[in-house]
């Protein structure tokens, strides 16, 4: 139960932070806040971004870029952790897997945005 409350608090802080940054700095502010949040947790940023989008506080292109910034940060933090903590061989294999996921995701994003 303690973990659930911590996660709820983290998501609430992200929602508030992204909302404030969006109002002060526009879409660039939301991207910066989501990038910083994405370094630690992608779920909270995704929920905050979706909530702001559903309320009409974040336009669709800004919401996509905000999520993309969080996703980039999440992958960057995984690479850093891999190459810092894991043995080199495991880090190399996991990095190849992560890069494959990024490539497939980028291709899917391009297909969806073009169609």
N, C-alpha and C. Protein backbone atom coordinates (compact mmCIF):
# COMPACT_ATOMS: atom_id res chain seq x y z
N UNK A 1 0.82 -1.19 0.00
CA UNK A 1 0.00 0.00 0.00
C UNK A 1 0.87 1.26 0.00
N UNK A 2 2.00 1.16 0.68
CA UNK A 2 2.92 2.30 0.73
C UNK A 2 3.45 2.64 -0.66
N UNK A 3 3.75 1.61 -1.44
CA UNK A 3 4.25 1.81 -2.80
C UNK A 3 3.19 2.47 -3.68
N UNK A 4 1.95 2.10 -3.51
CA UNK A 4 0.86 2.69 -4.29
C UNK A 4 0.76 4.18 -3.99
N UNK A 5 0.86 4.55 -2.72
CA UNK A 5 0.80 5.96 -2.36
C UNK A 5 1.99 6.75 -2.92
N UNK A 6 3.16 6.12 -2.91
CA UNK A 6 4.33 6.80 -3.48
C UNK A 6 4.15 7.03 -4.97
N UNK A 7 3.63 6.02 -5.67
CA UNK A 7 3.40 6.16 -7.11
C UNK A 7 2.34 7.21 -7.39
N UNK A 8 1.28 7.22 -6.60
CA UNK A 8 0.23 8.23 -6.79
C UNK A 8 0.77 9.63 -6.54
N UNK A 9 1.63 9.76 -5.54
CA UNK A 9 2.23 11.07 -5.25
C UNK A 9 3.15 11.49 -6.40
N UNK A 10 3.91 10.56 -6.92
CA UNK A 10 4.81 10.87 -8.04
C UNK A 10 4.01 11.31 -9.27
N UNK A 11 2.94 10.60 -9.59
CA UNK A 11 2.11 10.96 -10.74
C UNK A 11 1.47 12.32 -10.52
N UNK A 12 1.01 12.59 -9.32
CA UNK A 12 0.41 13.90 -9.01
C UNK A 12 1.41 15.03 -9.19
N UNK A 13 2.62 14.82 -8.70
CA UNK A 13 3.66 15.84 -8.85
C UNK A 13 3.98 16.06 -10.33
N UNK A 14 4.07 14.99 -11.10
CA UNK A 14 4.33 15.12 -12.54
C UNK A 14 3.20 15.86 -13.24
N UNK A 15 1.96 15.56 -12.89
CA UNK A 15 0.82 16.23 -13.50
C UNK A 15 0.87 17.73 -13.21
N UNK A 16 1.15 18.08 -11.99
CA UNK A 16 1.25 19.49 -11.61
C UNK A 16 2.43 20.16 -12.30
N UNK A 17 3.58 19.50 -12.30
CA UNK A 17 4.78 20.07 -12.91
C UNK A 17 4.60 20.29 -14.41
N UNK A 18 4.07 19.31 -15.10
CA UNK A 18 3.87 19.45 -16.55
C UNK A 18 2.84 20.55 -16.84
N UNK A 19 1.80 20.62 -16.04
CA UNK A 19 0.79 21.65 -16.23
C UNK A 19 1.37 23.05 -16.02
N UNK A 20 2.14 23.22 -14.97
CA UNK A 20 2.76 24.53 -14.68
C UNK A 20 3.75 24.91 -15.77
N UNK A 21 4.59 23.96 -16.17
CA UNK A 21 5.60 24.24 -17.19
C UNK A 21 4.92 24.57 -18.53
N UNK A 22 3.80 23.92 -18.83
CA UNK A 22 3.08 24.19 -20.07
C UNK A 22 2.53 25.61 -20.06
N UNK A 23 1.98 26.02 -18.91
CA UNK A 23 1.41 27.37 -18.82
C UNK A 23 2.48 28.44 -18.87
N UNK A 24 3.63 28.19 -18.26
CA UNK A 24 4.70 29.19 -18.22
C UNK A 24 5.49 29.25 -19.52
N UNK A 25 5.85 28.09 -20.05
CA UNK A 25 6.75 28.04 -21.19
C UNK A 25 6.12 27.49 -22.46
N UNK A 26 4.84 27.14 -22.42
CA UNK A 26 4.19 26.57 -23.59
C UNK A 26 4.56 25.10 -23.76
N UNK A 27 4.41 24.59 -24.98
CA UNK A 27 4.70 23.17 -25.23
C UNK A 27 6.15 22.78 -24.91
N UNK A 28 7.09 23.71 -25.08
CA UNK A 28 8.48 23.39 -24.74
C UNK A 28 8.64 23.08 -23.26
N UNK A 29 7.88 23.77 -22.44
CA UNK A 29 7.92 23.53 -21.00
C UNK A 29 7.41 22.16 -20.63
N UNK A 30 6.34 21.73 -21.32
CA UNK A 30 5.80 20.39 -21.04
C UNK A 30 6.79 19.32 -21.47
N UNK A 31 7.50 19.58 -22.58
CA UNK A 31 8.49 18.61 -23.05
C UNK A 31 9.66 18.50 -22.08
N UNK A 32 10.09 19.64 -21.55
CA UNK A 32 11.20 19.63 -20.58
C UNK A 32 10.79 18.89 -19.32
N UNK A 33 9.61 19.19 -18.80
CA UNK A 33 9.14 18.53 -17.58
C UNK A 33 8.96 17.03 -17.80
N UNK A 34 8.43 16.64 -18.96
CA UNK A 34 8.23 15.22 -19.21
C UNK A 34 9.55 14.50 -19.44
N UNK A 35 10.52 15.18 -20.04
CA UNK A 35 11.84 14.58 -20.20
C UNK A 35 12.45 14.28 -18.83
N UNK A 36 12.38 15.24 -17.93
CA UNK A 36 12.93 15.03 -16.59
C UNK A 36 12.19 13.93 -15.85
N UNK A 37 10.87 13.91 -15.96
CA UNK A 37 10.08 12.85 -15.33
C UNK A 37 10.34 11.50 -15.96
N UNK A 38 10.55 11.48 -17.29
CA UNK A 38 10.81 10.23 -18.00
C UNK A 38 12.11 9.56 -17.61
N UNK A 39 13.04 10.34 -17.06
CA UNK A 39 14.29 9.74 -16.57
C UNK A 39 14.03 8.77 -15.43
N UNK A 40 12.93 8.98 -14.71
CA UNK A 40 12.63 8.16 -13.54
C UNK A 40 11.47 7.21 -13.74
N UNK A 41 10.41 7.68 -14.42
CA UNK A 41 9.22 6.84 -14.57
C UNK A 41 8.44 7.26 -15.80
N UNK A 42 8.20 6.35 -16.70
CA UNK A 42 7.47 6.65 -17.92
C UNK A 42 5.97 6.60 -17.71
N UNK A 43 5.51 5.75 -16.79
CA UNK A 43 4.07 5.59 -16.57
C UNK A 43 3.43 6.88 -16.06
N UNK A 44 4.07 7.51 -15.11
CA UNK A 44 3.53 8.75 -14.55
C UNK A 44 3.44 9.85 -15.58
N UNK A 45 4.47 9.98 -16.40
CA UNK A 45 4.48 11.01 -17.43
C UNK A 45 3.40 10.73 -18.47
N UNK A 46 3.25 9.48 -18.86
CA UNK A 46 2.23 9.10 -19.83
C UNK A 46 0.84 9.44 -19.31
N UNK A 47 0.59 9.12 -18.05
CA UNK A 47 -0.71 9.42 -17.45
C UNK A 47 -0.94 10.93 -17.37
N UNK A 48 0.08 11.66 -16.95
CA UNK A 48 -0.05 13.12 -16.85
C UNK A 48 -0.30 13.74 -18.22
N UNK A 49 0.42 13.30 -19.21
CA UNK A 49 0.27 13.81 -20.57
C UNK A 49 -1.13 13.50 -21.11
N UNK A 50 -1.59 12.28 -20.92
CA UNK A 50 -2.92 11.89 -21.38
C UNK A 50 -4.01 12.67 -20.66
N UNK A 51 -3.83 12.91 -19.38
CA UNK A 51 -4.81 13.68 -18.62
C UNK A 51 -4.89 15.12 -19.13
N UNK A 52 -3.74 15.75 -19.33
CA UNK A 52 -3.73 17.11 -19.84
C UNK A 52 -4.32 17.19 -21.24
N UNK A 53 -4.04 16.20 -22.07
CA UNK A 53 -4.60 16.16 -23.42
C UNK A 53 -6.11 16.01 -23.36
N UNK A 54 -6.61 15.12 -22.51
CA UNK A 54 -8.06 14.89 -22.43
C UNK A 54 -8.80 16.11 -21.90
N UNK A 55 -8.15 16.92 -21.09
CA UNK A 55 -8.75 18.15 -20.57
C UNK A 55 -8.67 19.30 -21.56
N UNK A 56 -7.93 19.10 -22.64
CA UNK A 56 -7.77 20.16 -23.62
C UNK A 56 -6.67 21.16 -23.27
N UNK A 57 -5.86 20.84 -22.26
CA UNK A 57 -4.78 21.73 -21.85
C UNK A 57 -3.51 21.53 -22.66
N UNK A 58 -3.48 20.46 -23.43
CA UNK A 58 -2.32 20.13 -24.25
C UNK A 58 -2.84 19.68 -25.62
N UNK A 59 -2.42 20.38 -26.68
CA UNK A 59 -2.87 20.03 -28.03
C UNK A 59 -2.23 18.71 -28.46
N UNK A 60 -2.81 18.09 -29.48
CA UNK A 60 -2.32 16.78 -29.92
C UNK A 60 -0.85 16.78 -30.32
N UNK A 61 -0.38 17.73 -31.16
CA UNK A 61 1.05 17.70 -31.51
C UNK A 61 1.95 17.90 -30.29
N UNK A 62 1.54 18.77 -29.38
CA UNK A 62 2.34 18.99 -28.17
C UNK A 62 2.32 17.75 -27.28
N UNK A 63 1.18 17.08 -27.21
CA UNK A 63 1.09 15.86 -26.40
C UNK A 63 1.99 14.77 -26.97
N UNK A 64 2.02 14.64 -28.30
CA UNK A 64 2.90 13.64 -28.93
C UNK A 64 4.37 13.94 -28.66
N UNK A 65 4.74 15.20 -28.79
CA UNK A 65 6.14 15.57 -28.55
C UNK A 65 6.50 15.44 -27.07
N UNK A 66 5.54 15.73 -26.20
CA UNK A 66 5.78 15.58 -24.77
C UNK A 66 6.02 14.12 -24.42
N UNK A 67 5.20 13.24 -24.98
CA UNK A 67 5.40 11.82 -24.74
C UNK A 67 6.70 11.33 -25.35
N UNK A 68 7.03 11.83 -26.55
CA UNK A 68 8.28 11.43 -27.20
C UNK A 68 9.49 11.84 -26.36
N UNK A 69 9.42 13.02 -25.74
CA UNK A 69 10.52 13.47 -24.88
C UNK A 69 10.68 12.55 -23.67
N UNK A 70 9.55 12.15 -23.08
CA UNK A 70 9.61 11.24 -21.94
C UNK A 70 10.14 9.87 -22.35
N UNK A 71 9.72 9.42 -23.51
CA UNK A 71 10.18 8.12 -24.01
C UNK A 71 11.68 8.14 -24.28
N UNK A 72 12.16 9.22 -24.87
CA UNK A 72 13.61 9.36 -25.12
C UNK A 72 14.39 9.36 -23.81
N UNK A 73 13.87 10.05 -22.82
CA UNK A 73 14.55 10.09 -21.52
C UNK A 73 14.56 8.71 -20.86
N UNK A 74 13.45 7.99 -20.98
CA UNK A 74 13.38 6.65 -20.38
C UNK A 74 14.41 5.72 -21.01
N UNK A 75 14.53 5.76 -22.34
CA UNK A 75 15.52 4.92 -23.01
C UNK A 75 16.94 5.37 -22.68
N UNK A 76 17.16 6.67 -22.61
CA UNK A 76 18.50 7.17 -22.28
C UNK A 76 18.92 6.71 -20.89
N UNK A 77 17.99 6.79 -19.93
CA UNK A 77 18.34 6.36 -18.58
C UNK A 77 18.61 4.85 -18.52
N UNK A 78 17.90 4.09 -19.34
CA UNK A 78 18.15 2.64 -19.38
C UNK A 78 19.54 2.34 -19.94
N UNK A 79 19.94 3.06 -20.98
CA UNK A 79 21.28 2.87 -21.54
C UNK A 79 22.35 3.22 -20.50
N UNK A 80 22.17 4.30 -19.81
CA UNK A 80 23.15 4.72 -18.79
C UNK A 80 23.24 3.67 -17.70
N UNK A 81 22.10 3.20 -17.22
CA UNK A 81 22.11 2.18 -16.17
C UNK A 81 22.76 0.88 -16.66
N UNK A 82 22.43 0.49 -17.89
CA UNK A 82 23.02 -0.73 -18.45
C UNK A 82 24.54 -0.66 -18.48
N UNK A 83 25.06 0.41 -19.06
CA UNK A 83 26.50 0.51 -19.26
C UNK A 83 27.24 0.87 -17.97
N UNK A 84 26.51 1.30 -16.96
CA UNK A 84 27.13 1.62 -15.67
C UNK A 84 27.15 0.41 -14.74
N UNK A 85 26.05 -0.35 -14.73
CA UNK A 85 25.89 -1.40 -13.72
C UNK A 85 26.04 -2.83 -14.24
N UNK A 86 25.75 -3.05 -15.50
CA UNK A 86 25.75 -4.42 -16.01
C UNK A 86 27.11 -4.78 -16.60
N UNK A 87 27.40 -6.09 -16.66
CA UNK A 87 28.60 -6.51 -17.36
C UNK A 87 28.53 -6.09 -18.83
N UNK A 88 29.67 -5.87 -19.44
CA UNK A 88 29.73 -5.33 -20.81
C UNK A 88 28.96 -6.17 -21.82
N UNK A 89 29.09 -7.47 -21.73
CA UNK A 89 28.42 -8.34 -22.70
C UNK A 89 26.90 -8.22 -22.58
N UNK A 90 26.39 -8.22 -21.37
CA UNK A 90 24.95 -8.05 -21.15
C UNK A 90 24.51 -6.66 -21.61
N UNK A 91 25.28 -5.64 -21.31
CA UNK A 91 24.95 -4.28 -21.73
C UNK A 91 24.88 -4.17 -23.25
N UNK A 92 25.80 -4.84 -23.94
CA UNK A 92 25.80 -4.80 -25.40
C UNK A 92 24.55 -5.47 -25.97
N UNK A 93 24.21 -6.66 -25.48
CA UNK A 93 23.03 -7.36 -25.97
C UNK A 93 21.75 -6.60 -25.65
N UNK A 94 21.66 -6.09 -24.45
CA UNK A 94 20.47 -5.33 -24.06
C UNK A 94 20.37 -4.03 -24.86
N UNK A 95 21.50 -3.41 -25.15
CA UNK A 95 21.49 -2.18 -25.95
C UNK A 95 20.99 -2.44 -27.36
N UNK A 96 21.41 -3.55 -27.94
CA UNK A 96 20.93 -3.92 -29.27
C UNK A 96 19.41 -4.12 -29.23
N UNK A 97 18.93 -4.79 -28.19
CA UNK A 97 17.48 -5.00 -28.05
C UNK A 97 16.74 -3.68 -27.89
N UNK A 98 17.27 -2.79 -27.07
CA UNK A 98 16.64 -1.49 -26.88
C UNK A 98 16.64 -0.68 -28.17
N UNK A 99 17.74 -0.72 -28.90
CA UNK A 99 17.80 -0.01 -30.18
C UNK A 99 16.80 -0.58 -31.19
N UNK A 100 16.61 -1.89 -31.18
CA UNK A 100 15.61 -2.51 -32.06
C UNK A 100 14.21 -2.02 -31.68
N UNK A 101 13.93 -1.92 -30.39
CA UNK A 101 12.64 -1.41 -29.95
C UNK A 101 12.43 0.04 -30.39
N UNK A 102 13.48 0.84 -30.26
CA UNK A 102 13.40 2.24 -30.69
C UNK A 102 13.14 2.32 -32.19
N UNK A 103 13.83 1.49 -32.97
CA UNK A 103 13.65 1.51 -34.43
C UNK A 103 12.22 1.11 -34.82
N UNK A 104 11.70 0.07 -34.21
CA UNK A 104 10.33 -0.37 -34.50
C UNK A 104 9.33 0.71 -34.07
N UNK A 105 9.54 1.29 -32.91
CA UNK A 105 8.66 2.35 -32.43
C UNK A 105 8.70 3.57 -33.33
N UNK A 106 9.88 3.96 -33.77
CA UNK A 106 10.01 5.11 -34.67
C UNK A 106 9.33 4.83 -36.00
N UNK A 107 9.50 3.63 -36.52
CA UNK A 107 8.85 3.27 -37.78
C UNK A 107 7.33 3.29 -37.64
N UNK A 108 6.83 2.75 -36.54
CA UNK A 108 5.38 2.76 -36.30
C UNK A 108 4.86 4.19 -36.16
N UNK A 109 5.62 5.03 -35.47
CA UNK A 109 5.24 6.44 -35.30
C UNK A 109 5.16 7.13 -36.66
N UNK A 110 6.14 6.88 -37.50
CA UNK A 110 6.13 7.50 -38.84
C UNK A 110 4.95 7.01 -39.67
N UNK A 111 4.66 5.73 -39.61
CA UNK A 111 3.54 5.18 -40.36
C UNK A 111 2.23 5.81 -39.86
N UNK A 112 2.06 5.91 -38.57
CA UNK A 112 0.82 6.45 -38.01
C UNK A 112 0.67 7.94 -38.34
N UNK A 113 1.74 8.69 -38.26
CA UNK A 113 1.63 10.13 -38.52
C UNK A 113 1.51 10.44 -40.00
N UNK A 114 2.02 9.58 -40.87
CA UNK A 114 1.91 9.81 -42.30
C UNK A 114 0.49 9.45 -42.79
N UNK A 115 -0.06 8.38 -42.24
CA UNK A 115 -1.40 7.96 -42.65
C UNK A 115 -2.39 8.78 -41.92
